[in-house]
Amino acid sequence: DALCHDWAAWDDTYAFVDAPYDEYRDSNL
């Protein structure tokens, strides 16, 4: 729950949901 809330509140995750980009995927996933 803490992990998911942390990721969900992260601005980069919001940006990734709106428009997925490789940098986020490569560095976080």
mmCIF file of all heavy atoms, coordinates in Angstrom:
data_MODEL
# 
_entry.id   MODEL 
# 
loop_
_atom_site.group_PDB 
_atom_site.id 
_atom_site.type_symbol 
_atom_site.label_atom_id 
_atom_site.label_alt_id 
_atom_site.label_comp_id 
_atom_site.label_asym_id 
_atom_site.label_entity_id 
_atom_site.label_seq_id 
_atom_site.pdbx_PDB_ins_code 
_atom_site.Cartn_x 
_atom_site.Cartn_y 
_atom_site.Cartn_z 
_atom_site.occupancy 
_atom_site.B_iso_or_equiv 
_atom_site.pdbx_formal_charge 
_atom_site.auth_seq_id 
_atom_site.auth_comp_id 
_atom_site.auth_asym_id 
_atom_site.auth_atom_id 
_atom_site.pdbx_PDB_model_num 
ATOM 1   N N   . ASP A 1 1  ? 0.832  -1.200 0.000   1.00 0.00 ? 1  ASP A N   1 
ATOM 2   C CA  . ASP A 1 1  ? 0.000  0.000  0.000   1.00 0.00 ? 1  ASP A CA  1 
ATOM 3   C C   . ASP A 1 1  ? 0.869  1.255  0.000   1.00 0.00 ? 1  ASP A C   1 
ATOM 4   O O   . ASP A 1 1  ? 0.634  2.189  -0.779  1.00 0.00 ? 1  ASP A O   1 
ATOM 5   C CB  . ASP A 1 1  ? -0.924 -0.014 1.218   1.00 0.00 ? 1  ASP A CB  1 
ATOM 6   C CG  . ASP A 1 1  ? -1.937 1.106  1.205   1.00 0.00 ? 1  ASP A CG  1 
ATOM 7   O OD1 . ASP A 1 1  ? -2.654 1.246  0.185   1.00 0.00 ? 1  ASP A OD1 1 
ATOM 8   O OD2 . ASP A 1 1  ? -2.007 1.841  2.204   1.00 0.00 ? 1  ASP A OD2 1 
ATOM 9   N N   . ALA A 1 2  ? 1.891  1.268  0.853   1.00 0.00 ? 2  ALA A N   1 
ATOM 10  C CA  . ALA A 1 2  ? 2.798  2.424  0.890   1.00 0.00 ? 2  ALA A CA  1 
ATOM 11  C C   . ALA A 1 2  ? 3.550  2.570  -0.436  1.00 0.00 ? 2  ALA A C   1 
ATOM 12  O O   . ALA A 1 2  ? 3.701  3.686  -0.962  1.00 0.00 ? 2  ALA A O   1 
ATOM 13  C CB  . ALA A 1 2  ? 3.787  2.277  2.051   1.00 0.00 ? 2  ALA A CB  1 
ATOM 14  N N   . LEU A 1 3  ? 4.002  1.454  -0.986  1.00 0.00 ? 3  LEU A N   1 
ATOM 15  C CA  . LEU A 1 3  ? 4.715  1.486  -2.263  1.00 0.00 ? 3  LEU A CA  1 
ATOM 16  C C   . LEU A 1 3  ? 3.819  2.032  -3.376  1.00 0.00 ? 3  LEU A C   1 
ATOM 17  O O   . LEU A 1 3  ? 4.227  2.902  -4.152  1.00 0.00 ? 3  LEU A O   1 
ATOM 18  C CB  . LEU A 1 3  ? 5.214  0.082  -2.609  1.00 0.00 ? 3  LEU A CB  1 
ATOM 19  C CG  . LEU A 1 3  ? 6.034  -0.063 -3.882  1.00 0.00 ? 3  LEU A CG  1 
ATOM 20  C CD1 . LEU A 1 3  ? 7.377  0.636  -3.726  1.00 0.00 ? 3  LEU A CD1 1 
ATOM 21  C CD2 . LEU A 1 3  ? 6.239  -1.532 -4.204  1.00 0.00 ? 3  LEU A CD2 1 
ATOM 22  N N   . CYS A 1 4  ? 2.595  1.542  -3.441  1.00 0.00 ? 4  CYS A N   1 
ATOM 23  C CA  . CYS A 1 4  ? 1.665  1.993  -4.488  1.00 0.00 ? 4  CYS A CA  1 
ATOM 24  C C   . CYS A 1 4  ? 1.301  3.460  -4.314  1.00 0.00 ? 4  CYS A C   1 
ATOM 25  O O   . CYS A 1 4  ? 1.230  4.208  -5.296  1.00 0.00 ? 4  CYS A O   1 
ATOM 26  C CB  . CYS A 1 4  ? 0.408  1.125  -4.484  1.00 0.00 ? 4  CYS A CB  1 
ATOM 27  S SG  . CYS A 1 4  ? 0.702  -0.549 -5.084  1.00 0.00 ? 4  CYS A SG  1 
ATOM 28  N N   . HIS A 1 5  ? 1.051  3.879  -3.091  1.00 0.00 ? 5  HIS A N   1 
ATOM 29  C CA  . HIS A 1 5  ? 0.738  5.292  -2.860  1.00 0.00 ? 5  HIS A CA  1 
ATOM 30  C C   . HIS A 1 5  ? 1.928  6.185  -3.219  1.00 0.00 ? 5  HIS A C   1 
ATOM 31  O O   . HIS A 1 5  ? 1.747  7.278  -3.763  1.00 0.00 ? 5  HIS A O   1 
ATOM 32  C CB  . HIS A 1 5  ? 0.308  5.520  -1.407  1.00 0.00 ? 5  HIS A CB  1 
ATOM 33  C CG  . HIS A 1 5  ? -1.132 5.194  -1.168  1.00 0.00 ? 5  HIS A CG  1 
ATOM 34  N ND1 . HIS A 1 5  ? -1.541 3.940  -0.795  1.00 0.00 ? 5  HIS A ND1 1 
ATOM 35  C CD2 . HIS A 1 5  ? -2.255 5.940  -1.283  1.00 0.00 ? 5  HIS A CD2 1 
ATOM 36  C CE1 . HIS A 1 5  ? -2.848 3.937  -0.668  1.00 0.00 ? 5  HIS A CE1 1 
ATOM 37  N NE2 . HIS A 1 5  ? -3.312 5.131  -0.964  1.00 0.00 ? 5  HIS A NE2 1 
ATOM 38  N N   . ASP A 1 6  ? 3.118  5.725  -2.921  1.00 0.00 ? 6  ASP A N   1 
ATOM 39  C CA  . ASP A 1 6  ? 4.314  6.493  -3.262  1.00 0.00 ? 6  ASP A CA  1 
ATOM 40  C C   . ASP A 1 6  ? 4.431  6.665  -4.774  1.00 0.00 ? 6  ASP A C   1 
ATOM 41  O O   . ASP A 1 6  ? 4.642  7.764  -5.271  1.00 0.00 ? 6  ASP A O   1 
ATOM 42  C CB  . ASP A 1 6  ? 5.548  5.792  -2.690  1.00 0.00 ? 6  ASP A CB  1 
ATOM 43  C CG  . ASP A 1 6  ? 6.824  6.562  -2.944  1.00 0.00 ? 6  ASP A CG  1 
ATOM 44  O OD1 . ASP A 1 6  ? 6.809  7.803  -2.797  1.00 0.00 ? 6  ASP A OD1 1 
ATOM 45  O OD2 . ASP A 1 6  ? 7.833  5.922  -3.291  1.00 0.00 ? 6  ASP A OD2 1 
ATOM 46  N N   . TRP A 1 7  ? 4.271  5.579  -5.500  1.00 0.00 ? 7  TRP A N   1 
ATOM 47  C CA  . TRP A 1 7  ? 4.368  5.644  -6.965  1.00 0.00 ? 7  TRP A CA  1 
ATOM 48  C C   . TRP A 1 7  ? 3.218  6.458  -7.550  1.00 0.00 ? 7  TRP A C   1 
ATOM 49  O O   . TRP A 1 7  ? 3.394  7.206  -8.506  1.00 0.00 ? 7  TRP A O   1 
ATOM 50  C CB  . TRP A 1 7  ? 4.362  4.232  -7.558  1.00 0.00 ? 7  TRP A CB  1 
ATOM 51  C CG  . TRP A 1 7  ? 5.706  3.588  -7.562  1.00 0.00 ? 7  TRP A CG  1 
ATOM 52  C CD1 . TRP A 1 7  ? 6.583  3.489  -6.520  1.00 0.00 ? 7  TRP A CD1 1 
ATOM 53  C CD2 . TRP A 1 7  ? 6.329  2.949  -8.672  1.00 0.00 ? 7  TRP A CD2 1 
ATOM 54  N NE1 . TRP A 1 7  ? 7.701  2.809  -6.903  1.00 0.00 ? 7  TRP A NE1 1 
ATOM 55  C CE2 . TRP A 1 7  ? 7.573  2.471  -8.226  1.00 0.00 ? 7  TRP A CE2 1 
ATOM 56  C CE3 . TRP A 1 7  ? 5.952  2.710  -9.978  1.00 0.00 ? 7  TRP A CE3 1 
ATOM 57  C CZ2 . TRP A 1 7  ? 8.446  1.785  -9.047  1.00 0.00 ? 7  TRP A CZ2 1 
ATOM 58  C CZ3 . TRP A 1 7  ? 6.808  2.023  -10.801 1.00 0.00 ? 7  TRP A CZ3 1 
ATOM 59  C CH2 . TRP A 1 7  ? 8.049  1.572  -10.335 1.00 0.00 ? 7  TRP A CH2 1 
ATOM 60  N N   . ALA A 1 8  ? 2.020  6.293  -6.992  1.00 0.00 ? 8  ALA A N   1 
ATOM 61  C CA  . ALA A 1 8  ? 0.852  6.996  -7.537  1.00 0.00 ? 8  ALA A CA  1 
ATOM 62  C C   . ALA A 1 8  ? 0.957  8.508  -7.335  1.00 0.00 ? 8  ALA A C   1 
ATOM 63  O O   . ALA A 1 8  ? 0.450  9.285  -8.142  1.00 0.00 ? 8  ALA A O   1 
ATOM 64  C CB  . ALA A 1 8  ? -0.419 6.470  -6.887  1.00 0.00 ? 8  ALA A CB  1 
ATOM 65  N N   . ALA A 1 9  ? 1.610  8.937  -6.285  1.00 0.00 ? 9  ALA A N   1 
ATOM 66  C CA  . ALA A 1 9  ? 1.720  10.370 -6.003  1.00 0.00 ? 9  ALA A CA  1 
ATOM 67  C C   . ALA A 1 9  ? 2.886  11.021 -6.743  1.00 0.00 ? 9  ALA A C   1 
ATOM 68  O O   . ALA A 1 9  ? 3.044  12.246 -6.709  1.00 0.00 ? 9  ALA A O   1 
ATOM 69  C CB  . ALA A 1 9  ? 1.893  10.575 -4.500  1.00 0.00 ? 9  ALA A CB  1 
ATOM 70  N N   . TRP A 1 10 ? 3.669  10.245 -7.404  1.00 0.00 ? 10 TRP A N   1 
ATOM 71  C CA  . TRP A 1 10 ? 4.875  10.729 -8.062  1.00 0.00 ? 10 TRP A CA  1 
ATOM 72  C C   . TRP A 1 10 ? 4.504  11.406 -9.386  1.00 0.00 ? 10 TRP A C   1 
ATOM 73  O O   . TRP A 1 10 ? 3.822  10.838 -10.238 1.00 0.00 ? 10 TRP A O   1 
ATOM 74  C CB  . TRP A 1 10 ? 5.788  9.533  -8.287  1.00 0.00 ? 10 TRP A CB  1 
ATOM 75  C CG  . TRP A 1 10 ? 7.180  9.794  -8.663  1.00 0.00 ? 10 TRP A CG  1 
ATOM 76  C CD1 . TRP A 1 10 ? 7.890  10.942 -8.517  1.00 0.00 ? 10 TRP A CD1 1 
ATOM 77  C CD2 . TRP A 1 10 ? 8.067  8.840  -9.258  1.00 0.00 ? 10 TRP A CD2 1 
ATOM 78  N NE1 . TRP A 1 10 ? 9.157  10.778 -8.968  1.00 0.00 ? 10 TRP A NE1 1 
ATOM 79  C CE2 . TRP A 1 10 ? 9.293  9.481  -9.438  1.00 0.00 ? 10 TRP A CE2 1 
ATOM 80  C CE3 . TRP A 1 10 ? 7.945  7.518  -9.641  1.00 0.00 ? 10 TRP A CE3 1 
ATOM 81  C CZ2 . TRP A 1 10 ? 10.401 8.854  -9.995  1.00 0.00 ? 10 TRP A CZ2 1 
ATOM 82  C CZ3 . TRP A 1 10 ? 9.033  6.892  -10.188 1.00 0.00 ? 10 TRP A CZ3 1 
ATOM 83  C CH2 . TRP A 1 10 ? 10.245 7.563  -10.357 1.00 0.00 ? 10 TRP A CH2 1 
ATOM 84  N N   . ASP A 1 11 ? 4.955  12.641 -9.597  1.00 0.00 ? 11 ASP A N   1 
ATOM 85  C CA  . ASP A 1 11 ? 4.625  13.398 -10.811 1.00 0.00 ? 11 ASP A CA  1 
ATOM 86  C C   . ASP A 1 11 ? 5.068  12.674 -12.079 1.00 0.00 ? 11 ASP A C   1 
ATOM 87  O O   . ASP A 1 11 ? 4.369  12.718 -13.094 1.00 0.00 ? 11 ASP A O   1 
ATOM 88  C CB  . ASP A 1 11 ? 5.265  14.794 -10.768 1.00 0.00 ? 11 ASP A CB  1 
ATOM 89  C CG  . ASP A 1 11 ? 4.615  15.687 -9.721  1.00 0.00 ? 11 ASP A CG  1 
ATOM 90  O OD1 . ASP A 1 11 ? 3.475  15.384 -9.314  1.00 0.00 ? 11 ASP A OD1 1 
ATOM 91  O OD2 . ASP A 1 11 ? 5.245  16.680 -9.311  1.00 0.00 ? 11 ASP A OD2 1 
ATOM 92  N N   . ASP A 1 12 ? 6.214  12.017 -12.027 1.00 0.00 ? 12 ASP A N   1 
ATOM 93  C CA  . ASP A 1 12 ? 6.691  11.292 -13.208 1.00 0.00 ? 12 ASP A CA  1 
ATOM 94  C C   . ASP A 1 12 ? 5.732  10.159 -13.603 1.00 0.00 ? 12 ASP A C   1 
ATOM 95  O O   . ASP A 1 12 ? 5.560  9.867  -14.787 1.00 0.00 ? 12 ASP A O   1 
ATOM 96  C CB  . ASP A 1 12 ? 8.089  10.716 -12.963 1.00 0.00 ? 12 ASP A CB  1 
ATOM 97  C CG  . ASP A 1 12 ? 9.160  11.787 -12.922 1.00 0.00 ? 12 ASP A CG  1 
ATOM 98  O OD1 . ASP A 1 12 ? 8.877  12.931 -13.329 1.00 0.00 ? 12 ASP A OD1 1 
ATOM 99  O OD2 . ASP A 1 12 ? 10.286 11.474 -12.482 1.00 0.00 ? 12 ASP A OD2 1 
ATOM 100 N N   . THR A 1 13 ? 5.120  9.518  -12.604 1.00 0.00 ? 13 THR A N   1 
ATOM 101 C CA  . THR A 1 13 ? 4.164  8.454  -12.901 1.00 0.00 ? 13 THR A CA  1 
ATOM 102 C C   . THR A 1 13 ? 2.924  9.043  -13.563 1.00 0.00 ? 13 THR A C   1 
ATOM 103 O O   . THR A 1 13 ? 2.390  8.469  -14.522 1.00 0.00 ? 13 THR A O   1 
ATOM 104 C CB  . THR A 1 13 ? 3.788  7.682  -11.619 1.00 0.00 ? 13 THR A CB  1 
ATOM 105 O OG1 . THR A 1 13 ? 4.977  7.169  -11.013 1.00 0.00 ? 13 THR A OG1 1 
ATOM 106 C CG2 . THR A 1 13 ? 2.857  6.524  -11.927 1.00 0.00 ? 13 THR A CG2 1 
ATOM 107 N N   . TYR A 1 14 ? 2.463  10.192 -13.059 1.00 0.00 ? 14 TYR A N   1 
ATOM 108 C CA  . TYR A 1 14 ? 1.323  10.859 -13.695 1.00 0.00 ? 14 TYR A CA  1 
ATOM 109 C C   . TYR A 1 14 ? 1.638  11.168 -15.156 1.00 0.00 ? 14 TYR A C   1 
ATOM 110 O O   . TYR A 1 14 ? 0.820  10.936 -16.051 1.00 0.00 ? 14 TYR A O   1 
ATOM 111 C CB  . TYR A 1 14 ? 0.980  12.169 -12.968 1.00 0.00 ? 14 TYR A CB  1 
ATOM 112 C CG  . TYR A 1 14 ? -0.006 11.990 -11.853 1.00 0.00 ? 14 TYR A CG  1 
ATOM 113 C CD1 . TYR A 1 14 ? 0.417  11.755 -10.545 1.00 0.00 ? 14 TYR A CD1 1 
ATOM 114 C CD2 . TYR A 1 14 ? -1.362 12.069 -12.098 1.00 0.00 ? 14 TYR A CD2 1 
ATOM 115 C CE1 . TYR A 1 14 ? -0.482 11.590 -9.518  1.00 0.00 ? 14 TYR A CE1 1 
ATOM 116 C CE2 . TYR A 1 14 ? -2.286 11.923 -11.069 1.00 0.00 ? 14 TYR A CE2 1 
ATOM 117 C CZ  . TYR A 1 14 ? -1.840 11.682 -9.784  1.00 0.00 ? 14 TYR A CZ  1 
ATOM 118 O OH  . TYR A 1 14 ? -2.740 11.526 -8.773  1.00 0.00 ? 14 TYR A OH  1 
ATOM 119 N N   . ALA A 1 15 ? 2.820  11.703 -15.394 1.00 0.00 ? 15 ALA A N   1 
ATOM 120 C CA  . ALA A 1 15 ? 3.213  12.036 -16.765 1.00 0.00 ? 15 ALA A CA  1 
ATOM 121 C C   . ALA A 1 15 ? 3.289  10.773 -17.624 1.00 0.00 ? 15 ALA A C   1 
ATOM 122 O O   . ALA A 1 15 ? 2.887  10.786 -18.791 1.00 0.00 ? 15 ALA A O   1 
ATOM 123 C CB  . ALA A 1 15 ? 4.559  12.763 -16.762 1.00 0.00 ? 15 ALA A CB  1 
ATOM 124 N N   . PHE A 1 16 ? 3.769  9.683  -17.059 1.00 0.00 ? 16 PHE A N   1 
ATOM 125 C CA  . PHE A 1 16 ? 3.878  8.423  -17.792 1.00 0.00 ? 16 PHE A CA  1 
ATOM 126 C C   . PHE A 1 16 ? 2.498  7.884  -18.159 1.00 0.00 ? 16 PHE A C   1 
ATOM 127 O O   . PHE A 1 16 ? 2.310  7.348  -19.248 1.00 0.00 ? 16 PHE A O   1 
ATOM 128 C CB  . PHE A 1 16 ? 4.658  7.404  -16.963 1.00 0.00 ? 16 PHE A CB  1 
ATOM 129 C CG  . PHE A 1 16 ? 4.867  6.093  -17.647 1.00 0.00 ? 16 PHE A CG  1 
ATOM 130 C CD1 . PHE A 1 16 ? 5.773  5.975  -18.690 1.00 0.00 ? 16 PHE A CD1 1 
ATOM 131 C CD2 . PHE A 1 16 ? 4.167  4.958  -17.254 1.00 0.00 ? 16 PHE A CD2 1 
ATOM 132 C CE1 . PHE A 1 16 ? 5.985  4.761  -19.339 1.00 0.00 ? 16 PHE A CE1 1 
ATOM 133 C CE2 . PHE A 1 16 ? 4.365  3.741  -17.882 1.00 0.00 ? 16 PHE A CE2 1 
ATOM 134 C CZ  . PHE A 1 16 ? 5.273  3.644  -18.929 1.00 0.00 ? 16 PHE A CZ  1 
ATOM 135 N N   . VAL A 1 17 ? 1.535  8.029  -17.262 1.00 0.00 ? 17 VAL A N   1 
ATOM 136 C CA  . VAL A 1 17 ? 0.176  7.555  -17.552 1.00 0.00 ? 17 VAL A CA  1 
ATOM 137 C C   . VAL A 1 17 ? -0.433 8.371  -18.690 1.00 0.00 ? 17 VAL A C   1 
ATOM 138 O O   . VAL A 1 17 ? -1.081 7.834  -19.585 1.00 0.00 ? 17 VAL A O   1 
ATOM 139 C CB  . VAL A 1 17 ? -0.710 7.603  -16.290 1.00 0.00 ? 17 VAL A CB  1 
ATOM 140 C CG1 . VAL A 1 17 ? -2.181 7.357  -16.637 1.00 0.00 ? 17 VAL A CG1 1 
ATOM 141 C CG2 . VAL A 1 17 ? -0.236 6.583  -15.267 1.00 0.00 ? 17 VAL A CG2 1 
ATOM 142 N N   . ASP A 1 18 ? -0.193 9.683  -18.669 1.00 0.00 ? 18 ASP A N   1 
ATOM 143 C CA  . ASP A 1 18 ? -0.728 10.547 -19.734 1.00 0.00 ? 18 ASP A CA  1 
ATOM 144 C C   . ASP A 1 18 ? -0.076 10.252 -21.081 1.00 0.00 ? 18 ASP A C   1 
ATOM 145 O O   . ASP A 1 18 ? -0.753 10.190 -22.106 1.00 0.00 ? 18 ASP A O   1 
ATOM 146 C CB  . ASP A 1 18 ? -0.531 12.018 -19.378 1.00 0.00 ? 18 ASP A CB  1 
ATOM 147 C CG  . ASP A 1 18 ? -1.529 12.489 -18.335 1.00 0.00 ? 18 ASP A CG  1 
ATOM 148 O OD1 . ASP A 1 18 ? -2.580 11.831 -18.179 1.00 0.00 ? 18 ASP A OD1 1 
ATOM 149 O OD2 . ASP A 1 18 ? -1.258 13.510 -17.677 1.00 0.00 ? 18 ASP A OD2 1 
ATOM 150 N N   . ALA A 1 19 ? 1.233  10.104 -21.071 1.00 0.00 ? 19 ALA A N   1 
ATOM 151 C CA  . ALA A 1 19 ? 1.971  9.866  -22.322 1.00 0.00 ? 19 ALA A CA  1 
ATOM 152 C C   . ALA A 1 19 ? 3.197  9.018  -21.998 1.00 0.00 ? 19 ALA A C   1 
ATOM 153 O O   . ALA A 1 19 ? 4.241  9.556  -21.600 1.00 0.00 ? 19 ALA A O   1 
ATOM 154 C CB  . ALA A 1 19 ? 2.393  11.192 -22.945 1.00 0.00 ? 19 ALA A CB  1 
ATOM 155 N N   . PRO A 1 20 ? 3.083  7.695  -22.131 1.00 0.00 ? 20 PRO A N   1 
ATOM 156 C CA  . PRO A 1 20 ? 4.209  6.813  -21.798 1.00 0.00 ? 20 PRO A CA  1 
ATOM 157 C C   . PRO A 1 20 ? 5.474  7.188  -22.571 1.00 0.00 ? 20 PRO A C   1 
ATOM 158 O O   . PRO A 1 20 ? 5.410  7.510  -23.746 1.00 0.00 ? 20 PRO A O   1 
ATOM 159 C CB  . PRO A 1 20 ? 3.713  5.431  -22.215 1.00 0.00 ? 20 PRO A CB  1 
ATOM 160 C CG  . PRO A 1 20 ? 2.233  5.533  -22.194 1.00 0.00 ? 20 PRO A CG  1 
ATOM 161 C CD  . PRO A 1 20 ? 1.909  6.942  -22.579 1.00 0.00 ? 20 PRO A CD  1 
ATOM 162 N N   . TYR A 1 21 ? 6.595  7.192  -21.862 1.00 0.00 ? 21 TYR A N   1 
ATOM 163 C CA  . TYR A 1 21 ? 7.862  7.516  -22.502 1.00 0.00 ? 21 TYR A CA  1 
ATOM 164 C C   . TYR A 1 21 ? 8.946  6.561  -22.007 1.00 0.00 ? 21 TYR A C   1 
ATOM 165 O O   . TYR A 1 21 ? 8.896  6.043  -20.899 1.00 0.00 ? 21 TYR A O   1 
ATOM 166 C CB  . TYR A 1 21 ? 8.239  8.987  -22.289 1.00 0.00 ? 21 TYR A CB  1 
ATOM 167 C CG  . TYR A 1 21 ? 8.302  9.435  -20.845 1.00 0.00 ? 21 TYR A CG  1 
ATOM 168 C CD1 . TYR A 1 21 ? 9.519  9.523  -20.186 1.00 0.00 ? 21 TYR A CD1 1 
ATOM 169 C CD2 . TYR A 1 21 ? 7.147  9.794  -20.141 1.00 0.00 ? 21 TYR A CD2 1 
ATOM 170 C CE1 . TYR A 1 21 ? 9.591  9.949  -18.872 1.00 0.00 ? 21 TYR A CE1 1 
ATOM 171 C CE2 . TYR A 1 21 ? 7.211  10.217 -18.832 1.00 0.00 ? 21 TYR A CE2 1 
ATOM 172 C CZ  . TYR A 1 21 ? 8.430  10.295 -18.197 1.00 0.00 ? 21 TYR A CZ  1 
ATOM 173 O OH  . TYR A 1 21 ? 8.504  10.714 -16.898 1.00 0.00 ? 21 TYR A OH  1 
ATOM 174 N N   . ASP A 1 22 ? 9.910  6.330  -22.900 1.00 0.00 ? 22 ASP A N   1 
ATOM 175 C CA  . ASP A 1 22 ? 10.941 5.315  -22.676 1.00 0.00 ? 22 ASP A CA  1 
ATOM 176 C C   . ASP A 1 22 ? 11.816 5.590  -21.469 1.00 0.00 ? 22 ASP A C   1 
ATOM 177 O O   . ASP A 1 22 ? 12.206 4.655  -20.767 1.00 0.00 ? 22 ASP A O   1 
ATOM 178 C CB  . ASP A 1 22 ? 11.825 5.172  -23.919 1.00 0.00 ? 22 ASP A CB  1 
ATOM 179 C CG  . ASP A 1 22 ? 11.076 4.553  -25.087 1.00 0.00 ? 22 ASP A CG  1 
ATOM 180 O OD1 . ASP A 1 22 ? 10.058 3.865  -24.830 1.00 0.00 ? 22 ASP A OD1 1 
ATOM 181 O OD2 . ASP A 1 22 ? 11.492 4.758  -26.234 1.00 0.00 ? 22 ASP A OD2 1 
ATOM 182 N N   . GLU A 1 23 ? 12.130 6.834  -21.187 1.00 0.00 ? 23 GLU A N   1 
ATOM 183 C CA  . GLU A 1 23 ? 13.033 7.150  -20.072 1.00 0.00 ? 23 GLU A CA  1 
ATOM 184 C C   . GLU A 1 23 ? 12.443 6.659  -18.740 1.00 0.00 ? 23 GLU A C   1 
ATOM 185 O O   . GLU A 1 23 ? 13.149 6.113  -17.896 1.00 0.00 ? 23 GLU A O   1 
ATOM 186 C CB  . GLU A 1 23 ? 13.322 8.654  -19.991 1.00 0.00 ? 23 GLU A CB  1 
ATOM 187 C CG  . GLU A 1 23 ? 14.114 9.200  -21.156 1.00 0.00 ? 23 GLU A CG  1 
ATOM 188 C CD  . GLU A 1 23 ? 13.227 9.538  -22.363 1.00 0.00 ? 23 GLU A CD  1 
ATOM 189 O OE1 . GLU A 1 23 ? 11.994 9.724  -22.202 1.00 0.00 ? 23 GLU A OE1 1 
ATOM 190 O OE2 . GLU A 1 23 ? 13.774 9.577  -23.468 1.00 0.00 ? 23 GLU A OE2 1 
ATOM 191 N N   . TYR A 1 24 ? 11.146 6.904  -18.556 1.00 0.00 ? 24 TYR A N   1 
ATOM 192 C CA  . TYR A 1 24 ? 10.487 6.453  -17.324 1.00 0.00 ? 24 TYR A CA  1 
ATOM 193 C C   . TYR A 1 24 ? 10.528 4.926  -17.252 1.00 0.00 ? 24 TYR A C   1 
ATOM 194 O O   . TYR A 1 24 ? 10.879 4.361  -16.223 1.00 0.00 ? 24 TYR A O   1 
ATOM 195 C CB  . TYR A 1 24 ? 9.036  6.938  -17.287 1.00 0.00 ? 24 TYR A CB  1 
ATOM 196 C CG  . TYR A 1 24 ? 8.300  6.532  -16.036 1.00 0.00 ? 24 TYR A CG  1 
ATOM 197 C CD1 . TYR A 1 24 ? 8.314  7.340  -14.912 1.00 0.00 ? 24 TYR A CD1 1 
ATOM 198 C CD2 . TYR A 1 24 ? 7.602  5.321  -15.960 1.00 0.00 ? 24 TYR A CD2 1 
ATOM 199 C CE1 . TYR A 1 24 ? 7.642  6.968  -13.754 1.00 0.00 ? 24 TYR A CE1 1 
ATOM 200 C CE2 . TYR A 1 24 ? 6.939  4.942  -14.817 1.00 0.00 ? 24 TYR A CE2 1 
ATOM 201 C CZ  . TYR A 1 24 ? 6.958  5.776  -13.715 1.00 0.00 ? 24 TYR A CZ  1 
ATOM 202 O OH  . TYR A 1 24 ? 6.306  5.396  -12.569 1.00 0.00 ? 24 TYR A OH  1 
ATOM 203 N N   . ARG A 1 25 ? 10.154 4.296  -18.351 1.00 0.00 ? 25 ARG A N   1 
ATOM 204 C CA  . ARG A 1 25 ? 10.123 2.831  -18.409 1.00 0.00 ? 25 ARG A CA  1 
ATOM 205 C C   . ARG A 1 25 ? 11.514 2.260  -18.127 1.00 0.00 ? 25 ARG A C   1 
ATOM 206 O O   . ARG A 1 25 ? 11.660 1.344  -17.316 1.00 0.00 ? 25 ARG A O   1 
ATOM 207 C CB  . ARG A 1 25 ? 9.628  2.389  -19.785 1.00 0.00 ? 25 ARG A CB  1 
ATOM 208 C CG  . ARG A 1 25 ? 9.342  0.926  -19.895 1.00 0.00 ? 25 ARG A CG  1 
ATOM 209 C CD  . ARG A 1 25 ? 8.798  0.530  -21.259 1.00 0.00 ? 25 ARG A CD  1 
ATOM 210 N NE  . ARG A 1 25 ? 7.626  1.300  -21.626 1.00 0.00 ? 25 ARG A NE  1 
ATOM 211 C CZ  . ARG A 1 25 ? 7.557  2.101  -22.693 1.00 0.00 ? 25 ARG A CZ  1 
ATOM 212 N NH1 . ARG A 1 25 ? 8.576  2.223  -23.509 1.00 0.00 ? 25 ARG A NH1 1 
ATOM 213 N NH2 . ARG A 1 25 ? 6.463  2.774  -22.951 1.00 0.00 ? 25 ARG A NH2 1 
ATOM 214 N N   . ASP A 1 26 ? 12.536 2.808  -18.766 1.00 0.00 ? 26 ASP A N   1 
ATOM 215 C CA  . ASP A 1 26 ? 13.897 2.280  -18.616 1.00 0.00 ? 26 ASP A CA  1 
ATOM 216 C C   . ASP A 1 26 ? 14.443 2.478  -17.209 1.00 0.00 ? 26 ASP A C   1 
ATOM 217 O O   . ASP A 1 26 ? 15.119 1.602  -16.663 1.00 0.00 ? 26 ASP A O   1 
ATOM 218 C CB  . ASP A 1 26 ? 14.832 2.938  -19.632 1.00 0.00 ? 26 ASP A CB  1 
ATOM 219 C CG  . ASP A 1 26 ? 14.478 2.561  -21.067 1.00 0.00 ? 26 ASP A CG  1 
ATOM 220 O OD1 . ASP A 1 26 ? 13.749 1.567  -21.260 1.00 0.00 ? 26 ASP A OD1 1 
ATOM 221 O OD2 . ASP A 1 26 ? 14.923 3.291  -21.979 1.00 0.00 ? 26 ASP A OD2 1 
ATOM 222 N N   . SER A 1 27 ? 14.151 3.614  -16.611 1.00 0.00 ? 27 SER A N   1 
ATOM 223 C CA  . SER A 1 27 ? 14.751 3.897  -15.303 1.00 0.00 ? 27 SER A CA  1 
ATOM 224 C C   . SER A 1 27 ? 13.925 3.379  -14.124 1.00 0.00 ? 27 SER A C   1 
ATOM 225 O O   . SER A 1 27 ? 14.457 3.215  -13.025 1.00 0.00 ? 27 SER A O   1 
ATOM 226 C CB  . SER A 1 27 ? 14.988 5.397  -15.137 1.00 0.00 ? 27 SER A CB  1 
ATOM 227 O OG  . SER A 1 27 ? 13.760 6.097  -15.160 1.00 0.00 ? 27 SER A OG  1 
ATOM 228 N N   . ASN A 1 28 ? 12.640 3.090  -14.331 1.00 0.00 ? 28 ASN A N   1 
ATOM 229 C CA  . ASN A 1 28 ? 11.791 2.724  -13.193 1.00 0.00 ? 28 ASN A CA  1 
ATOM 230 C C   . ASN A 1 28 ? 11.147 1.347  -13.278 1.00 0.00 ? 28 ASN A C   1 
ATOM 231 O O   . ASN A 1 28 ? 10.687 0.834  -12.259 1.00 0.00 ? 28 ASN A O   1 
ATOM 232 C CB  . ASN A 1 28 ? 10.671 3.758  -13.028 1.00 0.00 ? 28 ASN A CB  1 
ATOM 233 C CG  . ASN A 1 28 ? 11.205 5.112  -12.695 1.00 0.00 ? 28 ASN A CG  1 
ATOM 234 O OD1 . ASN A 1 28 ? 11.863 5.294  -11.683 1.00 0.00 ? 28 ASN A OD1 1 
ATOM 235 N ND2 . ASN A 1 28 ? 10.946 6.081  -13.560 1.00 0.00 ? 28 ASN A ND2 1 
ATOM 236 N N   . LEU A 1 29 ? 11.092 0.770  -14.447 1.00 0.00 ? 29 LEU A N   1 
ATOM 237 C CA  . LEU A 1 29 ? 10.313 -0.455 -14.600 1.00 0.00 ? 29 LEU A CA  1 
ATOM 238 C C   . LEU A 1 29 ? 11.144 -1.647 -15.056 1.00 0.00 ? 29 LEU A C   1 
ATOM 239 O O   . LEU A 1 29 ? 10.624 -2.594 -15.633 1.00 0.00 ? 29 LEU A O   1 
ATOM 240 C CB  . LEU A 1 29 ? 9.155  -0.204 -15.578 1.00 0.00 ? 29 LEU A CB  1 
ATOM 241 C CG  . LEU A 1 29 ? 8.192  0.903  -15.147 1.00 0.00 ? 29 LEU A CG  1 
ATOM 242 C CD1 . LEU A 1 29 ? 7.186  1.196  -16.240 1.00 0.00 ? 29 LEU A CD1 1 
ATOM 243 C CD2 . LEU A 1 29 ? 7.505  0.564  -13.841 1.00 0.00 ? 29 LEU A CD2 1 
# 
